[in-house]
């Protein structure tokens, strides 16, 4: 569902909005490592949700809608 991807993107931007002022204040190497890892994870989250939103990748299994007919076809393909 595209609604979930949009909500996750908005939440990621919301978190970035609050984190951005604290990123330049990092002085110690461990702080820089933390913010680097945090920003990397944020980019992965945004990229994954954009890929789902733009139909580049399939949404998670829980968000996929499979009709009864498609389920029978998939089960038939797995058997052969």
PDB file of N, CA and C in Angstrom:
ATOM      1  N   UNK A   1       0.825  -1.162   0.000  1.00  0.00           N
ATOM      2  CA  UNK A   1       0.000   0.000   0.000  1.00  0.00           C
ATOM      3  C   UNK A   1       0.879   1.238   0.000  1.00  0.00           C
ATOM      4  N   UNK A   2       0.510   2.166  -0.828  1.00  0.00           N
ATOM      5  CA  UNK A   2       1.310   3.374  -0.949  1.00  0.00           C
ATOM      6  C   UNK A   2       1.154   4.283   0.263  1.00  0.00           C
ATOM      7  N   UNK A   3       0.039   4.170   0.963  1.00  0.00           N
ATOM      8  CA  UNK A   3      -0.176   5.027   2.131  1.00  0.00           C
ATOM      9  C   UNK A   3       0.885   4.783   3.196  1.00  0.00           C
ATOM     10  N   UNK A   4       1.245   3.531   3.423  1.00  0.00           N
ATOM     11  CA  UNK A   4       2.245   3.213   4.429  1.00  0.00           C
ATOM     12  C   UNK A   4       3.619   3.757   4.029  1.00  0.00           C
ATOM     13  N   UNK A   5       3.939   3.678   2.761  1.00  0.00           N
ATOM     14  CA  UNK A   5       5.232   4.208   2.303  1.00  0.00           C
ATOM     15  C   UNK A   5       5.291   5.717   2.488  1.00  0.00           C
ATOM     16  N   UNK A   6       4.201   6.382   2.183  1.00  0.00           N
ATOM     17  CA  UNK A   6       4.157   7.835   2.354  1.00  0.00           C
ATOM     18  C   UNK A   6       4.281   8.200   3.834  1.00  0.00           C
ATOM     19  N   UNK A   7       3.583   7.460   4.683  1.00  0.00           N
ATOM     20  CA  UNK A   7       3.669   7.738   6.121  1.00  0.00           C
ATOM     21  C   UNK A   7       5.077   7.508   6.658  1.00  0.00           C
ATOM     22  N   UNK A   8       5.737   6.442   6.196  1.00  0.00           N
ATOM     23  CA  UNK A   8       7.108   6.183   6.656  1.00  0.00           C
ATOM     24  C   UNK A   8       8.069   7.255   6.161  1.00  0.00           C
ATOM     25  N   UNK A   9       7.865   7.744   4.932  1.00  0.00           N
ATOM     26  CA  UNK A   9       8.700   8.833   4.420  1.00  0.00           C
ATOM     27  C   UNK A   9       8.487  10.105   5.235  1.00  0.00           C
ATOM     28  N   UNK A  10       7.254  10.419   5.530  1.00  0.00           N
ATOM     29  CA  UNK A  10       6.968  11.609   6.332  1.00  0.00           C
ATOM     30  C   UNK A  10       7.561  11.494   7.731  1.00  0.00           C
ATOM     31  N   UNK A  11       7.500  10.303   8.316  1.00  0.00           N
ATOM     32  CA  UNK A  11       8.081  10.099   9.638  1.00  0.00           C
ATOM     33  C   UNK A  11       9.604  10.236   9.601  1.00  0.00           C
ATOM     34  N   UNK A  12      10.236   9.739   8.552  1.00  0.00           N
ATOM     35  CA  UNK A  12      11.693   9.862   8.416  1.00  0.00           C
ATOM     36  C   UNK A  12      12.093  11.331   8.283  1.00  0.00           C
ATOM     37  N   UNK A  13      11.335  12.085   7.511  1.00  0.00           N
ATOM     38  CA  UNK A  13      11.627  13.520   7.363  1.00  0.00           C
ATOM     39  C   UNK A  13      11.387  14.246   8.689  1.00  0.00           C
ATOM     40  N   UNK A  14      10.362  13.836   9.413  1.00  0.00           N
ATOM     41  CA  UNK A  14      10.079  14.414  10.732  1.00  0.00           C
ATOM     42  C   UNK A  14      11.246  14.188  11.686  1.00  0.00           C
ATOM     43  N   UNK A  15      11.783  12.968  11.709  1.00  0.00           N
ATOM     44  CA  UNK A  15      12.925  12.677  12.570  1.00  0.00           C
ATOM     45  C   UNK A  15      14.163  13.467  12.145  1.00  0.00           C
ATOM     46  N   UNK A  16      14.363  13.605  10.847  1.00  0.00           N
ATOM     47  CA  UNK A  16      15.495  14.380  10.353  1.00  0.00           C
ATOM     48  C   UNK A  16      15.365  15.845  10.752  1.00  0.00           C
ATOM     49  N   UNK A  17      14.143  16.363  10.742  1.00  0.00           N
ATOM     50  CA  UNK A  17      13.886  17.751  11.126  1.00  0.00           C
ATOM     51  C   UNK A  17      14.359  18.015  12.559  1.00  0.00           C
ATOM     52  N   UNK A  18      14.107  17.066  13.454  1.00  0.00           N
ATOM     53  CA  UNK A  18      14.521  17.251  14.842  1.00  0.00           C
ATOM     54  C   UNK A  18      15.998  16.935  15.055  1.00  0.00           C
ATOM     55  N   UNK A  19      16.570  16.066  14.263  1.00  0.00           N
ATOM     56  CA  UNK A  19      17.973  15.671  14.467  1.00  0.00           C
ATOM     57  C   UNK A  19      18.953  16.641  13.827  1.00  0.00           C
ATOM     58  N   UNK A  20      18.540  17.327  12.782  1.00  0.00           N
ATOM     59  CA  UNK A  20      19.463  18.148  12.001  1.00  0.00           C
ATOM     60  C   UNK A  20      20.240  19.174  12.838  1.00  0.00           C
ATOM     61  N   UNK A  21      19.629  19.898  13.789  1.00  0.00           N
ATOM     62  CA  UNK A  21      20.408  20.883  14.561  1.00  0.00           C
ATOM     63  C   UNK A  21      21.505  20.264  15.424  1.00  0.00           C
ATOM     64  N   UNK A  22      21.369  19.000  15.798  1.00  0.00           N
ATOM     65  CA  UNK A  22      22.350  18.370  16.685  1.00  0.00           C
ATOM     66  C   UNK A  22      23.511  17.728  15.933  1.00  0.00           C
ATOM     67  N   UNK A  23      23.364  17.518  14.657  1.00  0.00           N
ATOM     68  CA  UNK A  23      24.415  16.838  13.893  1.00  0.00           C
ATOM     69  C   UNK A  23      25.704  17.651  13.845  1.00  0.00           C
ATOM     70  N   UNK A  24      25.668  18.971  13.572  1.00  0.00           N
ATOM     71  CA  UNK A  24      26.939  19.728  13.538  1.00  0.00           C
ATOM     72  C   UNK A  24      27.623  19.858  14.899  1.00  0.00           C
ATOM     73  N   UNK A  25      26.904  19.609  15.977  1.00  0.00           N
ATOM     74  CA  UNK A  25      27.493  19.727  17.312  1.00  0.00           C
ATOM     75  C   UNK A  25      28.351  18.523  17.691  1.00  0.00           C
ATOM     76  N   UNK A  26      28.372  17.500  16.874  1.00  0.00           N
ATOM     77  CA  UNK A  26      29.157  16.301  17.175  1.00  0.00           C
ATOM     78  C   UNK A  26      30.646  16.627  17.094  1.00  0.00           C
ATOM     79  N   UNK A  27      31.351  16.368  18.192  1.00  0.00           N
ATOM     80  CA  UNK A  27      32.776  16.679  18.258  1.00  0.00           C
ATOM     81  C   UNK A  27      33.609  15.410  18.389  1.00  0.00           C
ATOM     82  N   UNK A  28      33.198  14.533  19.275  1.00  0.00           N
ATOM     83  CA  UNK A  28      33.956  13.307  19.533  1.00  0.00           C
ATOM     84  C   UNK A  28      33.777  12.331  18.370  1.00  0.00           C
ATOM     85  N   UNK A  29      34.771  11.483  18.155  1.00  0.00           N
ATOM     86  CA  UNK A  29      34.670  10.516  17.061  1.00  0.00           C
ATOM     87  C   UNK A  29      33.466   9.567  17.200  1.00  0.00           C
ATOM     88  N   UNK A  30      33.125   9.214  18.438  1.00  0.00           N
ATOM     89  CA  UNK A  30      31.988   8.305  18.630  1.00  0.00           C
ATOM     90  C   UNK A  30      30.678   8.997  18.257  1.00  0.00           C
ATOM     91  N   UNK A  31      30.606  10.306  18.514  1.00  0.00           N
ATOM     92  CA  UNK A  31      29.413  11.059  18.118  1.00  0.00           C
ATOM     93  C   UNK A  31      29.303  11.130  16.599  1.00  0.00           C
ATOM     94  N   UNK A  32      30.409  11.369  15.949  1.00  0.00           N
ATOM     95  CA  UNK A  32      30.408  11.421  14.482  1.00  0.00           C
ATOM     96  C   UNK A  32      30.045  10.064  13.888  1.00  0.00           C
ATOM     97  N   UNK A  33      30.527   9.003  14.505  1.00  0.00           N
ATOM     98  CA  UNK A  33      30.190   7.656  14.055  1.00  0.00           C
ATOM     99  C   UNK A  33      28.688   7.401  14.207  1.00  0.00           C
ATOM    100  N   UNK A  34      28.145   7.815  15.352  1.00  0.00           N
ATOM    101  CA  UNK A  34      26.711   7.640  15.580  1.00  0.00           C
ATOM    102  C   UNK A  34      25.891   8.386  14.529  1.00  0.00           C
ATOM    103  N   UNK A  35      26.197   9.651  14.301  1.00  0.00           N
ATOM    104  CA  UNK A  35      25.411  10.418  13.336  1.00  0.00           C
ATOM    105  C   UNK A  35      25.621   9.920  11.907  1.00  0.00           C
ATOM    106  N   UNK A  36      26.812   9.439  11.618  1.00  0.00           N
ATOM    107  CA  UNK A  36      27.043   8.855  10.293  1.00  0.00           C
ATOM    108  C   UNK A  36      26.198   7.601  10.087  1.00  0.00           C
ATOM    109  N   UNK A  37      26.165   6.747  11.109  1.00  0.00           N
ATOM    110  CA  UNK A  37      25.342   5.536  11.021  1.00  0.00           C
ATOM    111  C   UNK A  37      23.862   5.892  10.965  1.00  0.00           C
ATOM    112  N   UNK A  38      23.456   6.881  11.739  1.00  0.00           N
ATOM    113  CA  UNK A  38      22.050   7.306  11.757  1.00  0.00           C
ATOM    114  C   UNK A  38      21.630   7.850  10.394  1.00  0.00           C
ATOM    115  N   UNK A  39      22.469   8.689   9.805  1.00  0.00           N
ATOM    116  CA  UNK A  39      22.150   9.246   8.483  1.00  0.00           C
ATOM    117  C   UNK A  39      22.158   8.162   7.402  1.00  0.00           C
ATOM    118  N   UNK A  40      23.063   7.201   7.525  1.00  0.00           N
ATOM    119  CA  UNK A  40      23.083   6.088   6.573  1.00  0.00           C
ATOM    120  C   UNK A  40      21.798   5.277   6.662  1.00  0.00           C
ATOM    121  N   UNK A  41      21.376   4.982   7.873  1.00  0.00           N
ATOM    122  CA  UNK A  41      20.127   4.253   8.072  1.00  0.00           C
ATOM    123  C   UNK A  41      18.944   5.051   7.550  1.00  0.00           C
ATOM    124  N   UNK A  42      18.948   6.363   7.777  1.00  0.00           N
ATOM    125  CA  UNK A  42      17.872   7.230   7.282  1.00  0.00           C
ATOM    126  C   UNK A  42      17.806   7.197   5.756  1.00  0.00           C
ATOM    127  N   UNK A  43      18.946   7.234   5.106  1.00  0.00           N
ATOM    128  CA  UNK A  43      18.981   7.186   3.641  1.00  0.00           C
ATOM    129  C   UNK A  43      18.461   5.842   3.142  1.00  0.00           C
ATOM    130  N   UNK A  44      18.808   4.753   3.834  1.00  0.00           N
ATOM    131  CA  UNK A  44      18.291   3.440   3.452  1.00  0.00           C
ATOM    132  C   UNK A  44      16.772   3.371   3.612  1.00  0.00           C
ATOM    133  N   UNK A  45      16.256   3.927   4.688  1.00  0.00           N
ATOM    134  CA  UNK A  45      14.809   3.933   4.919  1.00  0.00           C
ATOM    135  C   UNK A  45      14.107   4.745   3.844  1.00  0.00           C
ATOM    136  N   UNK A  46      14.619   5.921   3.555  1.00  0.00           N
ATOM    137  CA  UNK A  46      14.006   6.774   2.535  1.00  0.00           C
ATOM    138  C   UNK A  46      14.098   6.111   1.169  1.00  0.00           C
ATOM    139  N   UNK A  47      15.246   5.541   0.846  1.00  0.00           N
ATOM    140  CA  UNK A  47      15.411   4.876  -0.451  1.00  0.00           C
ATOM    141  C   UNK A  47      14.500   3.676  -0.613  1.00  0.00           C
ATOM    142  N   UNK A  48      14.383   2.868   0.435  1.00  0.00           N
ATOM    143  CA  UNK A  48      13.507   1.702   0.364  1.00  0.00           C
ATOM    144  C   UNK A  48      12.048   2.084   0.190  1.00  0.00           C
ATOM    145  N   UNK A  49      11.623   3.112   0.899  1.00  0.00           N
ATOM    146  CA  UNK A  49      10.238   3.540   0.784  1.00  0.00           C
ATOM    147  C   UNK A  49       9.969   4.223  -0.550  1.00  0.00           C
ATOM    148  N   UNK A  50      10.939   4.951  -1.062  1.00  0.00           N
ATOM    149  CA  UNK A  50      10.765   5.539  -2.400  1.00  0.00           C
ATOM    150  C   UNK A  50      10.693   4.447  -3.464  1.00  0.00           C
ATOM    151  N   UNK A  51      11.496   3.406  -3.301  1.00  0.00           N
ATOM    152  CA  UNK A  51      11.456   2.304  -4.260  1.00  0.00           C
ATOM    153  C   UNK A  51      10.092   1.628  -4.246  1.00  0.00           C
ATOM    154  N   UNK A  52       9.522   1.442  -3.066  1.00  0.00           N
ATOM    155  CA  UNK A  52       8.191   0.853  -2.968  1.00  0.00           C
ATOM    156  C   UNK A  52       7.149   1.790  -3.547  1.00  0.00           C
ATOM    157  N   UNK A  53       7.284   3.076  -3.255  1.00  0.00           N
ATOM    158  CA  UNK A  53       6.322   4.064  -3.734  1.00  0.00           C
ATOM    159  C   UNK A  53       6.347   4.183  -5.251  1.00  0.00           C
ATOM    160  N   UNK A  54       7.519   4.061  -5.842  1.00  0.00           N
ATOM    161  CA  UNK A  54       7.658   4.180  -7.302  1.00  0.00           C
ATOM    162  C   UNK A  54       7.543   2.835  -8.010  1.00  0.00           C
ATOM    163  N   UNK A  55       7.162   1.804  -7.276  1.00  0.00           N
ATOM    164  CA  UNK A  55       6.982   0.447  -7.813  1.00  0.00           C
ATOM    165  C   UNK A  55       8.261  -0.134  -8.405  1.00  0.00           C
ATOM    166  N   UNK A  56       9.398   0.253  -7.864  1.00  0.00           N
ATOM    167  CA  UNK A  56      10.669  -0.330  -8.289  1.00  0.00           C
ATOM    168  C   UNK A  56      10.856  -1.680  -7.621  1.00  0.00           C
ATOM    169  N   UNK A  57      10.366  -1.812  -6.394  1.00  0.00           N
ATOM    170  CA  UNK A  57      10.427  -3.077  -5.678  1.00  0.00           C
ATOM    171  C   UNK A  57       9.031  -3.426  -5.181  1.00  0.00           C
ATOM    172  N   UNK A  58       8.864  -4.664  -4.775  1.00  0.00           N
ATOM    173  CA  UNK A  58       7.580  -5.104  -4.256  1.00  0.00           C
ATOM    174  C   UNK A  58       7.423  -4.649  -2.815  1.00  0.00           C
ATOM    175  N   UNK A  59       6.221  -4.297  -2.393  1.00  0.00           N
ATOM    176  CA  UNK A  59       6.018  -3.933  -0.986  1.00  0.00           C
ATOM    177  C   UNK A  59       6.202  -5.146  -0.088  1.00  0.00           C
ATOM    178  N   UNK A  60       6.350  -4.916   1.209  1.00  0.00           N
ATOM    179  CA  UNK A  60       6.483  -6.050   2.130  1.00  0.00           C
ATOM    180  C   UNK A  60       5.289  -6.989   2.025  1.00  0.00           C
ATOM    181  N   UNK A  61       5.494  -8.240   2.400  1.00  0.00           N
ATOM    182  CA  UNK A  61       4.469  -9.273   2.247  1.00  0.00           C
ATOM    183  C   UNK A  61       3.185  -8.879   2.966  1.00  0.00           C
ATOM    184  N   UNK A  62       3.294  -8.267   4.124  1.00  0.00           N
ATOM    185  CA  UNK A  62       2.109  -7.899   4.885  1.00  0.00           C
ATOM    186  C   UNK A  62       1.256  -6.854   4.159  1.00  0.00           C
ATOM    187  N   UNK A  63       1.879  -6.072   3.277  1.00  0.00           N
ATOM    188  CA  UNK A  63       1.160  -5.011   2.595  1.00  0.00           C
ATOM    189  C   UNK A  63       0.693  -5.417   1.200  1.00  0.00           C
ATOM    190  N   UNK A  64       1.014  -6.603   0.769  1.00  0.00           N
ATOM    191  CA  UNK A  64       0.612  -7.041  -0.561  1.00  0.00           C
ATOM    192  C   UNK A  64      -0.804  -7.576  -0.529  1.00  0.00           C
ATOM    193  N   UNK A  65      -1.548  -7.223  -1.557  1.00  0.00           N
ATOM    194  CA  UNK A  65      -2.893  -7.752  -1.699  1.00  0.00           C
ATOM    195  C   UNK A  65      -2.851  -8.850  -2.754  1.00  0.00           C
ATOM    196  N   UNK A  66      -3.227 -10.048  -2.355  1.00  0.00           N
ATOM    197  CA  UNK A  66      -3.245 -11.182  -3.271  1.00  0.00           C
ATOM    198  C   UNK A  66      -4.681 -11.693  -3.331  1.00  0.00           C
ATOM    199  N   UNK A  67      -5.220 -11.704  -4.523  1.00  0.00           N
ATOM    200  CA  UNK A  67      -6.582 -12.203  -4.664  1.00  0.00           C
ATOM    201  C   UNK A  67      -6.585 -13.730  -4.574  1.00  0.00           C
ATOM    202  N   UNK A  68      -7.745 -14.273  -4.397  1.00  0.00           N
ATOM    203  CA  UNK A  68      -7.876 -15.724  -4.269  1.00  0.00           C
ATOM    204  C   UNK A  68      -7.421 -16.417  -5.557  1.00  0.00           C
ATOM    205  N   UNK A  69      -7.740 -15.830  -6.711  1.00  0.00           N
ATOM    206  CA  UNK A  69      -7.352 -16.407  -7.995  1.00  0.00           C
ATOM    207  C   UNK A  69      -5.830 -16.391  -8.151  1.00  0.00           C
ATOM    208  N   UNK A  70      -5.191 -15.278  -7.783  1.00  0.00           N
ATOM    209  CA  UNK A  70      -3.735 -15.196  -7.889  1.00  0.00           C
ATOM    210  C   UNK A  70      -3.074 -16.187  -6.939  1.00  0.00           C
ATOM    211  N   UNK A  71      -3.657 -16.379  -5.788  1.00  0.00           N
ATOM    212  CA  UNK A  71      -3.104 -17.322  -4.819  1.00  0.00           C
ATOM    213  C   UNK A  71      -3.128 -18.742  -5.375  1.00  0.00           C
ATOM    214  N   UNK A  72      -4.211 -19.115  -6.077  1.00  0.00           N
ATOM    215  CA  UNK A  72      -4.288 -20.440  -6.685  1.00  0.00           C
ATOM    216  C   UNK A  72      -3.233 -20.605  -7.770  1.00  0.00           C
ATOM    217  N   UNK A  73      -3.040 -19.557  -8.580  1.00  0.00           N
ATOM    218  CA  UNK A  73      -2.043 -19.626  -9.653  1.00  0.00           C
ATOM    219  C   UNK A  73      -0.645 -19.777  -9.065  1.00  0.00           C
ATOM    220  N   UNK A  74      -0.342 -19.002  -8.003  1.00  0.00           N
ATOM    221  CA  UNK A  74       0.970 -19.097  -7.374  1.00  0.00           C
ATOM    222  C   UNK A  74       1.187 -20.470  -6.750  1.00  0.00           C
ATOM    223  N   UNK A  75       0.154 -21.028  -6.149  1.00  0.00           N
ATOM    224  CA  UNK A  75       0.274 -22.354  -5.551  1.00  0.00           C
ATOM    225  C   UNK A  75       0.483 -23.410  -6.637  1.00  0.00           C
ATOM    226  N   UNK A  76      -0.201 -23.257  -7.770  1.00  0.00           N
ATOM    227  CA  UNK A  76      -0.050 -24.196  -8.876  1.00  0.00           C
ATOM    228  C   UNK A  76       1.368 -24.115  -9.444  1.00  0.00           C
ATOM    229  N   UNK A  77       1.931 -22.894  -9.540  1.00  0.00           N
ATOM    230  CA  UNK A  77       3.300 -22.735 -10.060  1.00  0.00           C
ATOM    231  C   UNK A  77       4.330 -23.337  -9.106  1.00  0.00           C
ATOM    232  N   UNK A  78       4.077 -23.249  -7.816  1.00  0.00           N
ATOM    233  CA  UNK A  78       5.017 -23.820  -6.848  1.00  0.00           C
ATOM    234  C   UNK A  78       5.027 -25.337  -6.899  1.00  0.00           C
ATOM    235  N   UNK A  79       3.885 -25.934  -7.254  1.00  0.00           N
ATOM    236  CA  UNK A  79       3.805 -27.383  -7.297  1.00  0.00           C
ATOM    237  C   UNK A  79       4.545 -27.966  -8.493  1.00  0.00           C
ATOM    238  N   UNK A  80       4.756 -27.172  -9.532  1.00  0.00           N
ATOM    239  CA  UNK A  80       5.441 -27.681 -10.734  1.00  0.00           C
ATOM    240  C   UNK A  80       6.767 -27.085 -10.934  1.00  0.00           C
TER     241      UNK A  80
END
